[in-house]
Amino acid sequence: MLPARFRVVVLALLAVVAAGAWASAQLYQPEPIDPPVLLSGPDVGFRMESRRGGDIYGRIVVRIDGEWVEVSLSGPGPLRRLGSD
């Protein structure tokens, strides 16, 4: 028979794995917006693709030769929140 300490460790490990599986199943997935909504000005826009609660997710797009093209953002480091120093 297995030592009591080993059984306790195995049971604790199983409990942690079960709790993690349960917690990951509770994540709220974004609901897609079909078809995507485009909020735009003459040449710059935001294509809304999904929402999660009150948050909206999408992509920045620009108009090039009449076509809306997705923008790739790059920079030297992480983006900062507006108004922060």
N, C-alpha and C. Protein backbone atom coordinates (compact mmCIF):
# COMPACT_ATOMS: atom_id res chain seq x y z
N MET A 1 0.83 -1.18 0.00
CA MET A 1 0.00 0.00 0.00
C MET A 1 0.89 1.25 0.00
N LEU A 2 0.39 2.32 -0.58
CA LEU A 2 1.16 3.56 -0.69
C LEU A 2 1.21 4.29 0.65
N PRO A 3 2.31 4.99 0.90
CA PRO A 3 2.40 5.77 2.14
C PRO A 3 1.33 6.87 2.16
N ALA A 4 0.88 7.23 3.35
CA ALA A 4 -0.19 8.21 3.53
C ALA A 4 0.21 9.57 2.97
N ARG A 5 1.46 9.97 3.14
CA ARG A 5 1.91 11.27 2.64
C ARG A 5 1.81 11.34 1.12
N PHE A 6 2.17 10.27 0.43
CA PHE A 6 2.09 10.22 -1.03
C PHE A 6 0.64 10.34 -1.49
N ARG A 7 -0.27 9.64 -0.81
CA ARG A 7 -1.69 9.72 -1.17
C ARG A 7 -2.24 11.14 -0.99
N VAL A 8 -1.82 11.81 0.08
CA VAL A 8 -2.27 13.18 0.32
C VAL A 8 -1.76 14.11 -0.77
N VAL A 9 -0.52 13.94 -1.18
CA VAL A 9 0.05 14.77 -2.25
C VAL A 9 -0.68 14.53 -3.56
N VAL A 10 -0.96 13.29 -3.89
CA VAL A 10 -1.67 12.97 -5.13
C VAL A 10 -3.08 13.55 -5.10
N LEU A 11 -3.78 13.42 -3.98
CA LEU A 11 -5.12 13.99 -3.86
C LEU A 11 -5.10 15.52 -3.96
N ALA A 12 -4.11 16.16 -3.35
CA ALA A 12 -4.00 17.62 -3.45
C ALA A 12 -3.73 18.04 -4.89
N LEU A 13 -2.87 17.31 -5.58
CA LEU A 13 -2.57 17.62 -6.98
C LEU A 13 -3.81 17.45 -7.85
N LEU A 14 -4.57 16.39 -7.64
CA LEU A 14 -5.80 16.18 -8.39
C LEU A 14 -6.81 17.30 -8.12
N ALA A 15 -6.88 17.75 -6.87
CA ALA A 15 -7.81 18.84 -6.52
C ALA A 15 -7.41 20.13 -7.23
N VAL A 16 -6.11 20.42 -7.31
CA VAL A 16 -5.65 21.63 -8.00
C VAL A 16 -5.94 21.55 -9.49
N VAL A 17 -5.70 20.40 -10.09
CA VAL A 17 -5.98 20.23 -11.52
C VAL A 17 -7.47 20.35 -11.79
N ALA A 18 -8.30 19.75 -10.95
CA ALA A 18 -9.76 19.84 -11.12
C ALA A 18 -10.23 21.28 -10.97
N ALA A 19 -9.69 22.01 -10.00
CA ALA A 19 -10.08 23.41 -9.81
C ALA A 19 -9.66 24.26 -11.00
N GLY A 20 -8.49 24.00 -11.56
CA GLY A 20 -8.05 24.73 -12.74
C GLY A 20 -8.91 24.45 -13.95
N ALA A 21 -9.29 23.20 -14.13
CA ALA A 21 -10.17 22.85 -15.26
C ALA A 21 -11.53 23.52 -15.10
N TRP A 22 -12.05 23.53 -13.90
CA TRP A 22 -13.36 24.16 -13.65
C TRP A 22 -13.26 25.67 -13.90
N ALA A 23 -12.20 26.31 -13.41
CA ALA A 23 -12.04 27.76 -13.57
C ALA A 23 -11.88 28.13 -15.04
N SER A 24 -11.13 27.35 -15.81
CA SER A 24 -10.95 27.69 -17.22
C SER A 24 -12.25 27.53 -18.01
N ALA A 25 -13.13 26.65 -17.55
CA ALA A 25 -14.42 26.48 -18.22
C ALA A 25 -15.36 27.64 -17.94
N GLN A 26 -15.06 28.45 -16.92
CA GLN A 26 -15.93 29.55 -16.55
C GLN A 26 -15.59 30.85 -17.26
N LEU A 27 -14.53 30.87 -18.07
CA LEU A 27 -14.14 32.09 -18.77
C LEU A 27 -15.24 32.53 -19.71
N TYR A 28 -15.47 33.83 -19.74
CA TYR A 28 -16.51 34.40 -20.58
C TYR A 28 -15.91 34.71 -21.95
N GLN A 29 -16.36 34.01 -22.96
CA GLN A 29 -15.82 34.19 -24.31
C GLN A 29 -16.48 35.38 -24.99
N PRO A 30 -15.71 36.14 -25.79
CA PRO A 30 -16.31 37.24 -26.53
C PRO A 30 -17.33 36.73 -27.54
N GLU A 31 -18.42 37.46 -27.69
CA GLU A 31 -19.40 37.07 -28.70
C GLU A 31 -19.11 37.85 -29.98
N PRO A 32 -18.98 37.15 -31.10
CA PRO A 32 -18.63 37.83 -32.35
C PRO A 32 -19.77 38.72 -32.85
N ILE A 33 -19.39 39.80 -33.51
CA ILE A 33 -20.35 40.69 -34.15
C ILE A 33 -20.33 40.31 -35.63
N ASP A 34 -21.46 39.83 -36.14
CA ASP A 34 -21.49 39.36 -37.52
C ASP A 34 -22.58 40.08 -38.28
N PRO A 35 -22.30 40.83 -39.31
CA PRO A 35 -20.98 41.14 -39.84
C PRO A 35 -20.30 42.22 -38.99
N PRO A 36 -18.96 42.33 -39.05
CA PRO A 36 -18.26 43.35 -38.28
C PRO A 36 -18.75 44.75 -38.63
N VAL A 37 -18.82 45.61 -37.62
CA VAL A 37 -19.28 46.99 -37.81
C VAL A 37 -18.05 47.88 -37.97
N LEU A 38 -18.08 48.77 -38.95
CA LEU A 38 -16.95 49.67 -39.18
C LEU A 38 -17.33 51.07 -38.75
N LEU A 39 -16.62 51.61 -37.76
CA LEU A 39 -16.77 53.00 -37.34
C LEU A 39 -15.63 53.75 -38.00
N SER A 40 -15.94 54.72 -38.87
CA SER A 40 -14.86 55.31 -39.64
C SER A 40 -15.05 56.78 -39.90
N GLY A 41 -13.90 57.39 -40.18
CA GLY A 41 -13.86 58.72 -40.72
C GLY A 41 -13.54 58.58 -42.20
N PRO A 42 -13.04 59.63 -42.84
CA PRO A 42 -12.75 59.52 -44.27
C PRO A 42 -11.70 58.46 -44.60
N ASP A 43 -10.63 58.35 -43.79
CA ASP A 43 -9.54 57.44 -44.15
C ASP A 43 -9.08 56.53 -43.02
N VAL A 44 -9.59 56.71 -41.80
CA VAL A 44 -9.18 55.90 -40.66
C VAL A 44 -10.44 55.36 -40.00
N GLY A 45 -10.39 54.10 -39.56
CA GLY A 45 -11.57 53.52 -38.93
C GLY A 45 -11.22 52.46 -37.92
N PHE A 46 -12.26 51.96 -37.25
CA PHE A 46 -12.14 50.89 -36.27
C PHE A 46 -13.19 49.84 -36.62
N ARG A 47 -12.75 48.62 -36.90
CA ARG A 47 -13.67 47.54 -37.25
C ARG A 47 -13.98 46.74 -35.99
N MET A 48 -15.23 46.87 -35.48
CA MET A 48 -15.66 46.13 -34.30
C MET A 48 -15.91 44.68 -34.69
N GLU A 49 -15.22 43.74 -34.01
CA GLU A 49 -15.33 42.33 -34.37
C GLU A 49 -16.00 41.48 -33.31
N SER A 50 -15.88 41.87 -32.02
CA SER A 50 -16.52 41.09 -30.97
C SER A 50 -16.66 41.97 -29.73
N ARG A 51 -17.46 41.48 -28.80
CA ARG A 51 -17.62 42.19 -27.53
C ARG A 51 -17.69 41.19 -26.40
N ARG A 52 -17.21 41.61 -25.24
CA ARG A 52 -17.26 40.83 -24.02
C ARG A 52 -17.79 41.75 -22.94
N GLY A 53 -19.05 41.58 -22.60
CA GLY A 53 -19.67 42.48 -21.64
C GLY A 53 -19.74 43.87 -22.24
N GLY A 54 -19.17 44.85 -21.55
CA GLY A 54 -19.15 46.22 -22.05
C GLY A 54 -17.93 46.55 -22.88
N ASP A 55 -17.00 45.60 -23.04
CA ASP A 55 -15.77 45.84 -23.79
C ASP A 55 -15.96 45.45 -25.25
N ILE A 56 -15.41 46.27 -26.14
CA ILE A 56 -15.50 46.01 -27.57
C ILE A 56 -14.10 45.73 -28.10
N TYR A 57 -13.97 44.68 -28.93
CA TYR A 57 -12.69 44.29 -29.50
C TYR A 57 -12.75 44.44 -31.01
N GLY A 58 -11.63 44.87 -31.59
CA GLY A 58 -11.59 45.03 -33.03
C GLY A 58 -10.21 45.43 -33.50
N ARG A 59 -10.16 46.00 -34.70
CA ARG A 59 -8.88 46.35 -35.32
C ARG A 59 -8.96 47.75 -35.92
N ILE A 60 -7.82 48.42 -35.93
CA ILE A 60 -7.71 49.72 -36.58
C ILE A 60 -7.47 49.47 -38.06
N VAL A 61 -8.20 50.19 -38.90
CA VAL A 61 -8.06 50.04 -40.34
C VAL A 61 -7.89 51.41 -40.99
N VAL A 62 -7.25 51.43 -42.17
CA VAL A 62 -7.09 52.66 -42.95
C VAL A 62 -7.57 52.38 -44.37
N ARG A 63 -8.03 53.44 -45.04
CA ARG A 63 -8.49 53.28 -46.42
C ARG A 63 -7.33 53.58 -47.37
N ILE A 64 -7.00 52.58 -48.19
CA ILE A 64 -5.95 52.73 -49.20
C ILE A 64 -6.55 52.32 -50.53
N ASP A 65 -6.60 53.24 -51.46
CA ASP A 65 -7.18 53.00 -52.79
C ASP A 65 -8.61 52.44 -52.70
N GLY A 66 -9.39 52.97 -51.77
CA GLY A 66 -10.78 52.57 -51.62
C GLY A 66 -11.00 51.28 -50.84
N GLU A 67 -9.94 50.59 -50.44
CA GLU A 67 -10.03 49.34 -49.67
C GLU A 67 -9.66 49.60 -48.22
N TRP A 68 -10.38 48.97 -47.28
CA TRP A 68 -10.03 49.08 -45.86
C TRP A 68 -8.97 48.03 -45.55
N VAL A 69 -7.80 48.47 -45.06
CA VAL A 69 -6.66 47.61 -44.78
C VAL A 69 -6.34 47.67 -43.30
N GLU A 70 -6.09 46.50 -42.70
CA GLU A 70 -5.76 46.43 -41.28
C GLU A 70 -4.37 47.04 -41.03
N VAL A 71 -4.23 47.71 -39.90
CA VAL A 71 -2.99 48.38 -39.54
C VAL A 71 -2.20 47.50 -38.58
N SER A 72 -0.89 47.43 -38.76
CA SER A 72 0.00 46.78 -37.80
C SER A 72 0.68 47.88 -36.99
N LEU A 73 0.47 47.84 -35.69
CA LEU A 73 1.06 48.85 -34.82
C LEU A 73 2.41 48.35 -34.31
N SER A 74 3.39 49.24 -34.27
CA SER A 74 4.70 48.88 -33.73
C SER A 74 5.26 50.09 -33.02
N GLY A 75 6.23 49.85 -32.19
CA GLY A 75 6.84 50.94 -31.45
C GLY A 75 7.98 50.42 -30.59
N PRO A 76 8.63 51.32 -29.88
CA PRO A 76 9.80 50.93 -29.10
C PRO A 76 9.46 50.15 -27.84
N GLY A 77 8.23 50.18 -27.37
CA GLY A 77 7.92 49.50 -26.13
C GLY A 77 6.42 49.39 -25.94
N PRO A 78 6.00 49.02 -24.73
CA PRO A 78 4.57 48.87 -24.48
C PRO A 78 3.84 50.20 -24.57
N LEU A 79 2.58 50.14 -24.98
CA LEU A 79 1.78 51.34 -25.06
C LEU A 79 1.47 51.85 -23.66
N ARG A 80 1.39 53.17 -23.52
CA ARG A 80 1.08 53.77 -22.23
C ARG A 80 -0.34 54.28 -22.26
N ARG A 81 -0.96 54.29 -21.10
CA ARG A 81 -2.30 54.81 -20.96
C ARG A 81 -2.28 56.32 -21.14
N LEU A 82 -3.26 56.87 -21.85
CA LEU A 82 -3.33 58.31 -22.03
C LEU A 82 -3.46 59.00 -20.69
N GLY A 83 -2.77 60.11 -20.53
CA GLY A 83 -2.86 60.89 -19.31
C GLY A 83 -1.88 60.47 -18.24
N SER A 84 -1.13 59.37 -18.47
CA SER A 84 -0.14 58.97 -17.48
C SER A 84 1.19 59.63 -17.79
N ASP A 85 2.00 59.77 -16.78
CA ASP A 85 3.32 60.40 -16.96
C ASP A 85 4.40 59.40 -17.19
